């Protein structure tokens, strides 16, 4: 299955059959998952493990096993947990640990727990958000660009660094004509903001979020209704920015006031605008690339933290687009 030019043996302490069962999974499925992802061979007798493969992948595999065994003391190990731990031990980063160690990891604290970046790109994204007033996070689905922006907003609100969180998203299907949609303003755009709501519910709890929305501390603001406003002491998130026009994104960026932070997220491979309209996100990345005080983070397939198949799907689309190009 793999090259066994290098091997390493480790013993996990304390020896605990329940934790070992939790670590290995039913029929050793968790070990097979690690083997498949890192191209190593893993064998064990009790708490003694032997890993064989290339030196560059055995060491990350050892780190993953040790981390998962540490986690196994307090929570069940699932395939998702294995995948996310593997993401933390990205092989490319393990081959160049100096780059990762040179900068401190950013930890976001919310009432529901601690959130931190996975991999160098997410760590860099968080650092930029904390040090810049306007930030762009661009990349494929599943890279955490929106989730991490919401986490930063929640922490800033809890620390009373801002007075409100403003969620903005273009409603492409309705254009700027939202009036005919049923319900009040929040109900009109609720379907478009569901990913942002989901992240807020996870970090603050459903009841807390609903109370903050009632008090207008968390505000839903359709992009079409942002004209003429100046947003001070706010954390503003514009999601799905690839579906803005050049005029809309310029209008949005000029709403940012004193004491505010803005994060613009989008995926330039998933544009839903009519063919004749240029994406405002693509345009603004060119216009503002050399403007001081604005940060840009570009995520790739290796930053995807969802199911491993999502990474392969994104990669397949990228290769297809290159062939067509």
Protein backbone atom coordinates (compact mmCIF):
# COMPACT_ATOMS: atom_id res chain seq x y z
CA UNK A 1 0.00 0.00 0.00
CA UNK A 2 2.75 2.47 0.88
CA UNK A 3 6.50 2.73 0.88
CA UNK A 4 7.90 1.45 4.19
CA UNK A 5 11.30 3.12 3.88
CA UNK A 6 10.74 4.75 7.25
CA UNK A 7 8.98 3.52 10.37
CA UNK A 8 8.30 4.90 13.82
CA UNK A 9 6.89 3.28 16.93
CA UNK A 10 4.98 5.11 19.64
CA UNK A 11 3.25 4.13 22.86
CA UNK A 12 0.21 6.12 23.94
CA UNK A 13 -0.26 6.73 27.66
CA UNK A 14 -2.15 6.19 29.80
CA UNK A 15 -3.16 2.74 28.59
CA UNK A 16 -6.95 2.83 28.51
CA UNK A 17 -8.97 0.33 26.48
CA UNK A 18 -11.99 2.64 26.17
CA UNK A 19 -9.87 5.49 24.87
CA UNK A 20 -8.03 3.19 22.48
CA UNK A 21 -11.33 1.90 21.13
CA UNK A 22 -12.52 5.49 20.74
CA UNK A 23 -9.30 6.40 18.91
CA UNK A 24 -9.26 3.45 16.51
CA UNK A 25 -12.98 3.44 15.72
CA UNK A 26 -15.21 0.55 14.79
CA UNK A 27 -13.21 -2.03 12.80
CA UNK A 28 -10.23 0.41 13.05
CA UNK A 29 -12.01 2.75 10.63
CA UNK A 30 -10.30 5.84 12.05
CA UNK A 31 -6.87 4.28 11.52
CA UNK A 32 -7.82 3.34 7.96
CA UNK A 33 -8.94 6.94 7.38
CA UNK A 34 -5.53 8.24 8.48
CA UNK A 35 -3.76 5.63 6.35
CA UNK A 36 -5.73 6.56 3.25
CA UNK A 37 -5.22 10.30 3.70
CA UNK A 38 -1.50 10.26 4.56
CA UNK A 39 -0.44 7.14 2.61
CA UNK A 40 0.99 5.34 5.65
CA UNK A 41 0.51 1.90 7.23
CA UNK A 42 -0.56 1.73 10.87
CA UNK A 43 -0.51 -1.39 13.05
CA UNK A 44 -1.01 -1.67 16.78
CA UNK A 45 -1.13 -4.00 19.74
CA UNK A 46 -2.97 -2.30 22.56
CA UNK A 47 -1.48 1.15 23.10
CA UNK A 48 1.69 0.40 21.09
CA UNK A 49 1.56 1.64 17.47
CA UNK A 50 3.89 1.21 14.52
CA UNK A 51 3.69 3.51 11.50
CA UNK A 52 5.44 2.84 8.19
CA UNK A 53 5.80 5.02 5.11
CA UNK A 54 7.75 8.02 3.87
CA UNK A 55 9.41 10.05 6.61
CA UNK A 56 7.58 13.18 5.47
CA UNK A 57 4.17 11.56 6.16
CA UNK A 58 4.93 9.28 9.12
CA UNK A 59 5.74 12.21 11.39
CA UNK A 60 2.45 14.03 10.67
CA UNK A 61 0.60 10.71 11.17
CA UNK A 62 2.23 10.29 14.59
CA UNK A 63 1.19 13.82 15.51
CA UNK A 64 -2.39 13.08 14.44
CA UNK A 65 -2.56 9.88 16.52
CA UNK A 66 -1.20 11.64 19.59
CA UNK A 67 -3.63 14.53 19.20
CA UNK A 68 -6.62 12.24 18.69
CA UNK A 69 -5.66 10.17 21.73
CA UNK A 70 -5.54 13.36 23.77
CA UNK A 71 -9.02 14.30 22.50
CA UNK A 72 -10.35 10.77 23.16
CA UNK A 73 -10.24 11.38 26.92
CA UNK A 74 -13.04 13.95 26.72
CA UNK A 75 -15.12 13.39 23.61
CA UNK A 76 -16.04 10.73 21.05
CA UNK A 77 -13.79 10.52 18.00
CA UNK A 78 -15.78 10.75 14.76
CA UNK A 79 -14.68 10.61 11.12
CA UNK A 80 -15.24 14.39 11.01
CA UNK A 81 -12.95 14.88 14.03
CA UNK A 82 -10.29 12.73 12.36
CA UNK A 83 -10.59 14.78 9.17
CA UNK A 84 -10.27 18.11 11.01
CA UNK A 85 -7.28 16.86 13.00
CA UNK A 86 -5.67 15.77 9.76
CA UNK A 87 -6.38 19.24 8.41
CA UNK A 88 -4.49 20.74 11.37
CA UNK A 89 -1.54 18.47 10.54
CA UNK A 90 -1.44 19.50 6.87
CA UNK A 91 1.56 17.79 5.28
CA UNK A 92 2.75 20.92 3.53
CA UNK A 93 2.86 22.75 6.85
CA UNK A 94 4.63 19.85 8.55
CA UNK A 95 7.34 20.04 5.91
CA UNK A 96 7.85 23.74 6.66
CA UNK A 97 7.11 24.12 10.38
CA UNK A 98 9.20 27.26 10.69
CA UNK A 99 6.66 29.26 8.72
CA UNK A 100 3.85 28.21 11.05
CA UNK A 101 5.81 28.59 14.27
CA UNK A 102 7.03 32.08 13.48
CA UNK A 103 3.63 33.60 14.15
CA UNK A 104 1.39 33.04 17.14
CA UNK A 105 -1.92 31.33 16.49
CA UNK A 106 -5.01 33.49 16.97
CA UNK A 107 -7.62 32.08 19.36
CA UNK A 108 -11.17 33.41 19.25
CA UNK A 109 -13.14 33.01 22.46
CA UNK A 110 -16.93 32.88 22.44
CA UNK A 111 -19.36 31.92 25.19
CA UNK A 112 -19.86 28.55 23.51
CA UNK A 113 -16.15 27.72 23.32
CA UNK A 114 -12.83 28.47 21.67
CA UNK A 115 -12.41 28.81 17.90
CA UNK A 116 -9.06 28.81 16.14
CA UNK A 117 -7.82 28.66 12.60
CA UNK A 118 -6.87 25.41 10.91
CA UNK A 119 -3.68 25.75 8.92
CA UNK A 120 -1.49 28.70 8.01
CA UNK A 121 -4.03 30.40 5.72
CA UNK A 122 -6.80 30.50 8.31
CA UNK A 123 -4.38 31.70 11.01
CA UNK A 124 -3.23 34.48 8.69
CA UNK A 125 -6.84 35.39 7.87
CA UNK A 126 -7.69 35.81 11.55
CA UNK A 127 -4.60 37.92 12.20
CA UNK A 128 -5.47 40.21 9.30
CA UNK A 129 -9.07 40.68 10.46
CA UNK A 130 -7.83 41.73 13.91
CA UNK A 131 -5.37 44.25 12.45
CA UNK A 132 -7.16 45.70 9.39
CA UNK A 133 -10.39 47.67 9.01
CA UNK A 134 -11.34 46.15 5.64
CA UNK A 135 -10.62 42.52 4.80
CA UNK A 136 -11.29 40.20 1.88
CA UNK A 137 -11.55 36.41 2.21
CA UNK A 138 -11.78 34.74 -1.19
CA UNK A 139 -11.89 31.04 -1.91
CA UNK A 140 -14.00 27.92 -2.45
CA UNK A 141 -16.79 26.59 -0.24
CA UNK A 142 -15.78 25.00 3.04
CA UNK A 143 -12.64 27.03 3.71
CA UNK A 144 -14.07 28.75 6.81
CA UNK A 145 -13.91 32.29 5.42
CA UNK A 146 -17.42 33.25 6.56
CA UNK A 147 -17.45 31.19 9.76
CA UNK A 148 -14.22 32.75 11.02
CA UNK A 149 -15.46 36.25 10.17
CA UNK A 150 -18.58 35.62 12.26
CA UNK A 151 -16.38 34.33 15.12
CA UNK A 152 -14.33 37.55 15.07
CA UNK A 153 -17.54 39.60 15.07
CA UNK A 154 -18.97 37.69 18.05
CA UNK A 155 -15.76 38.10 20.06
CA UNK A 156 -15.60 41.84 19.29
CA UNK A 157 -19.22 42.23 20.43
CA UNK A 158 -18.61 40.31 23.65
CA UNK A 159 -15.57 42.46 24.40
CA UNK A 160 -17.68 45.57 23.71
CA UNK A 161 -15.24 46.69 21.02
CA UNK A 162 -18.22 47.25 18.71
CA UNK A 163 -21.87 48.10 19.27
CA UNK A 164 -23.46 45.89 16.63
CA UNK A 165 -22.96 43.19 14.04
CA UNK A 166 -24.34 43.87 10.57
CA UNK A 167 -24.94 40.97 8.18
CA UNK A 168 -25.11 41.88 4.51
CA UNK A 169 -25.71 39.70 1.47
CA UNK A 170 -26.89 40.41 -2.07
CA UNK A 171 -30.22 38.86 -3.00
CA UNK A 172 -29.40 37.95 -6.58
CA UNK A 173 -32.65 36.22 -7.40
CA UNK A 174 -34.67 39.30 -6.48
CA UNK A 175 -32.15 41.86 -7.70
CA UNK A 176 -32.57 45.10 -5.78
CA UNK A 177 -36.38 44.80 -5.88
CA UNK A 178 -37.09 43.16 -2.54
CA UNK A 179 -40.40 44.90 -1.98
CA UNK A 180 -42.55 42.20 -3.57
CA UNK A 181 -41.15 39.45 -1.32
CA UNK A 182 -43.46 38.53 1.59
CA UNK A 183 -42.75 39.44 5.22
CA UNK A 184 -40.74 42.12 6.98
CA UNK A 185 -37.19 43.06 6.04
CA UNK A 186 -35.54 40.23 7.98
CA UNK A 187 -37.95 37.67 6.55
CA UNK A 188 -37.33 38.88 3.00
CA UNK A 189 -33.61 38.17 3.17
CA UNK A 190 -33.60 35.39 5.78
CA UNK A 191 -33.00 32.59 3.22
CA UNK A 192 -29.96 34.40 1.87
CA UNK A 193 -28.37 34.84 5.31
CA UNK A 194 -28.94 31.34 6.66
CA UNK A 195 -25.21 30.37 6.74
CA UNK A 196 -24.46 33.47 8.83
CA UNK A 197 -27.34 32.72 11.20
CA UNK A 198 -26.18 29.13 11.61
CA UNK A 199 -22.72 30.28 12.69
CA UNK A 200 -24.21 32.81 15.14
CA UNK A 201 -26.52 30.19 16.68
CA UNK A 202 -23.55 27.86 17.20
CA UNK A 203 -21.47 30.54 18.92
CA UNK A 204 -24.10 32.39 20.93
CA UNK A 205 -27.13 30.10 21.15
CA UNK A 206 -30.49 30.52 19.46
CA UNK A 207 -32.22 32.54 22.19
CA UNK A 208 -29.32 34.98 22.59
CA UNK A 209 -29.16 35.62 18.85
CA UNK A 210 -32.90 36.22 18.63
CA UNK A 211 -32.75 38.73 21.50
CA UNK A 212 -29.84 40.57 19.89
CA UNK A 213 -31.74 40.74 16.60
CA UNK A 214 -34.80 42.14 18.42
CA UNK A 215 -32.62 44.82 20.01
CA UNK A 216 -31.00 45.56 16.63
CA UNK A 217 -27.57 44.66 18.01
CA UNK A 218 -27.41 42.09 15.24
CA UNK A 219 -28.83 43.72 12.14
CA UNK A 220 -29.87 42.18 8.86
CA UNK A 221 -29.11 44.62 6.07
CA UNK A 222 -29.82 43.69 2.44
CA UNK A 223 -27.10 45.16 0.25
CA UNK A 224 -29.68 47.06 -1.77
CA UNK A 225 -30.72 48.96 1.39
CA UNK A 226 -27.24 50.09 2.44
CA UNK A 227 -27.14 53.26 0.37
CA UNK A 228 -26.74 56.52 2.25
CA UNK A 229 -25.67 54.94 5.55
CA UNK A 230 -22.44 55.39 7.52
CA UNK A 231 -21.70 52.45 9.81
CA UNK A 232 -19.67 53.35 12.90
CA UNK A 233 -18.57 51.01 15.73
CA UNK A 234 -19.82 47.99 13.82
CA UNK A 235 -18.56 44.66 12.53
CA UNK A 236 -19.92 44.30 9.01
CA UNK A 237 -19.86 41.05 7.03
CA UNK A 238 -20.68 41.02 3.34
CA UNK A 239 -21.13 37.39 2.32
CA UNK A 240 -21.35 35.97 -1.23
CA UNK A 241 -19.69 39.13 -2.56
CA UNK A 242 -19.05 37.49 -5.94
CA UNK A 243 -22.71 38.25 -6.66
CA UNK A 244 -22.37 42.00 -6.19
CA UNK A 245 -22.04 44.38 -9.11
CA UNK A 246 -19.10 46.79 -9.35
CA UNK A 247 -21.38 49.64 -8.24
CA UNK A 248 -22.77 47.71 -5.26
CA UNK A 249 -19.43 46.69 -3.77
CA UNK A 250 -18.06 50.22 -4.12
CA UNK A 251 -21.17 51.50 -2.36
CA UNK A 252 -20.73 48.94 0.42
CA UNK A 253 -17.06 49.69 1.05
CA UNK A 254 -17.73 53.40 1.32
CA UNK A 255 -20.28 52.78 4.12
CA UNK A 256 -17.53 51.79 6.59
CA UNK A 257 -17.20 54.34 9.38
CA UNK A 258 -14.97 54.94 12.41
CA UNK A 259 -14.43 52.06 14.82
CA UNK A 260 -15.75 49.53 12.32
CA UNK A 261 -14.35 46.39 10.75
CA UNK A 262 -15.61 45.01 7.45
CA UNK A 263 -15.06 41.51 6.09
CA UNK A 264 -15.99 40.70 2.50
CA UNK A 265 -16.20 37.02 1.60
CA UNK A 266 -16.86 35.30 -1.70
CA UNK A 267 -16.04 32.55 -4.16
CA UNK A 268 -15.24 33.83 -7.66
CA UNK A 269 -15.97 30.38 -9.13
CA UNK A 270 -19.65 30.55 -8.10
CA UNK A 271 -21.00 33.72 -9.67
CA UNK A 272 -24.77 33.85 -10.17
CA UNK A 273 -24.96 37.24 -11.87
CA UNK A 274 -26.30 37.48 -15.44
CA UNK A 275 -23.50 36.85 -17.93
CA UNK A 276 -23.28 40.46 -19.03
CA UNK A 277 -22.66 41.77 -15.50
CA UNK A 278 -19.11 41.76 -14.16
CA UNK A 279 -18.67 40.52 -10.60
CA UNK A 280 -17.92 43.36 -8.22
CA UNK A 281 -15.63 41.09 -6.22
CA UNK A 282 -13.40 40.26 -9.21
CA UNK A 283 -13.26 43.95 -10.12
CA UNK A 284 -12.52 45.24 -6.61
CA UNK A 285 -9.66 42.77 -6.08
CA UNK A 286 -7.88 44.42 -9.00
CA UNK A 287 -8.80 47.98 -8.05
CA UNK A 288 -7.74 47.76 -4.38
CA UNK A 289 -4.80 45.34 -4.56
CA UNK A 290 -2.25 48.04 -3.65
CA UNK A 291 -4.36 50.10 -1.24
CA UNK A 292 -2.76 50.34 2.20
CA UNK A 293 -4.86 49.17 5.16
CA UNK A 294 -6.84 46.54 3.25
CA UNK A 295 -6.05 42.84 3.67
CA UNK A 296 -6.57 39.99 1.22
CA UNK A 297 -6.61 36.28 2.02
CA UNK A 298 -6.95 33.76 -0.80
CA UNK A 299 -8.00 30.25 0.18
CA UNK A 300 -7.37 27.13 -1.88
CA UNK A 301 -8.45 23.53 -1.98
CA UNK A 302 -6.08 22.56 0.88
CA UNK A 303 -7.96 24.95 3.18
CA UNK A 304 -11.28 23.10 2.81
CA UNK A 305 -12.35 21.81 6.24
CA UNK A 306 -15.46 19.92 5.18
CA UNK A 307 -15.71 16.30 4.06
CA UNK A 308 -12.58 15.19 2.13
CA UNK A 309 -14.75 14.70 -0.95
CA UNK A 310 -15.36 18.48 -1.00
CA UNK A 311 -11.63 19.00 -1.54
CA UNK A 312 -11.63 16.55 -4.43
CA UNK A 313 -14.73 18.17 -5.96
CA UNK A 314 -13.14 21.63 -5.81
CA UNK A 315 -9.92 20.26 -7.33
CA UNK A 316 -11.83 18.53 -10.13
CA UNK A 317 -13.64 21.76 -11.03
CA UNK A 318 -10.37 23.73 -11.00
CA UNK A 319 -8.75 21.22 -13.37
CA UNK A 320 -11.81 21.23 -15.64
CA UNK A 321 -11.83 25.05 -15.80
CA UNK A 322 -8.11 25.06 -16.65
CA UNK A 323 -8.69 22.61 -19.50
CA UNK A 324 -11.59 24.68 -20.81
CA UNK A 325 -9.61 27.91 -20.44
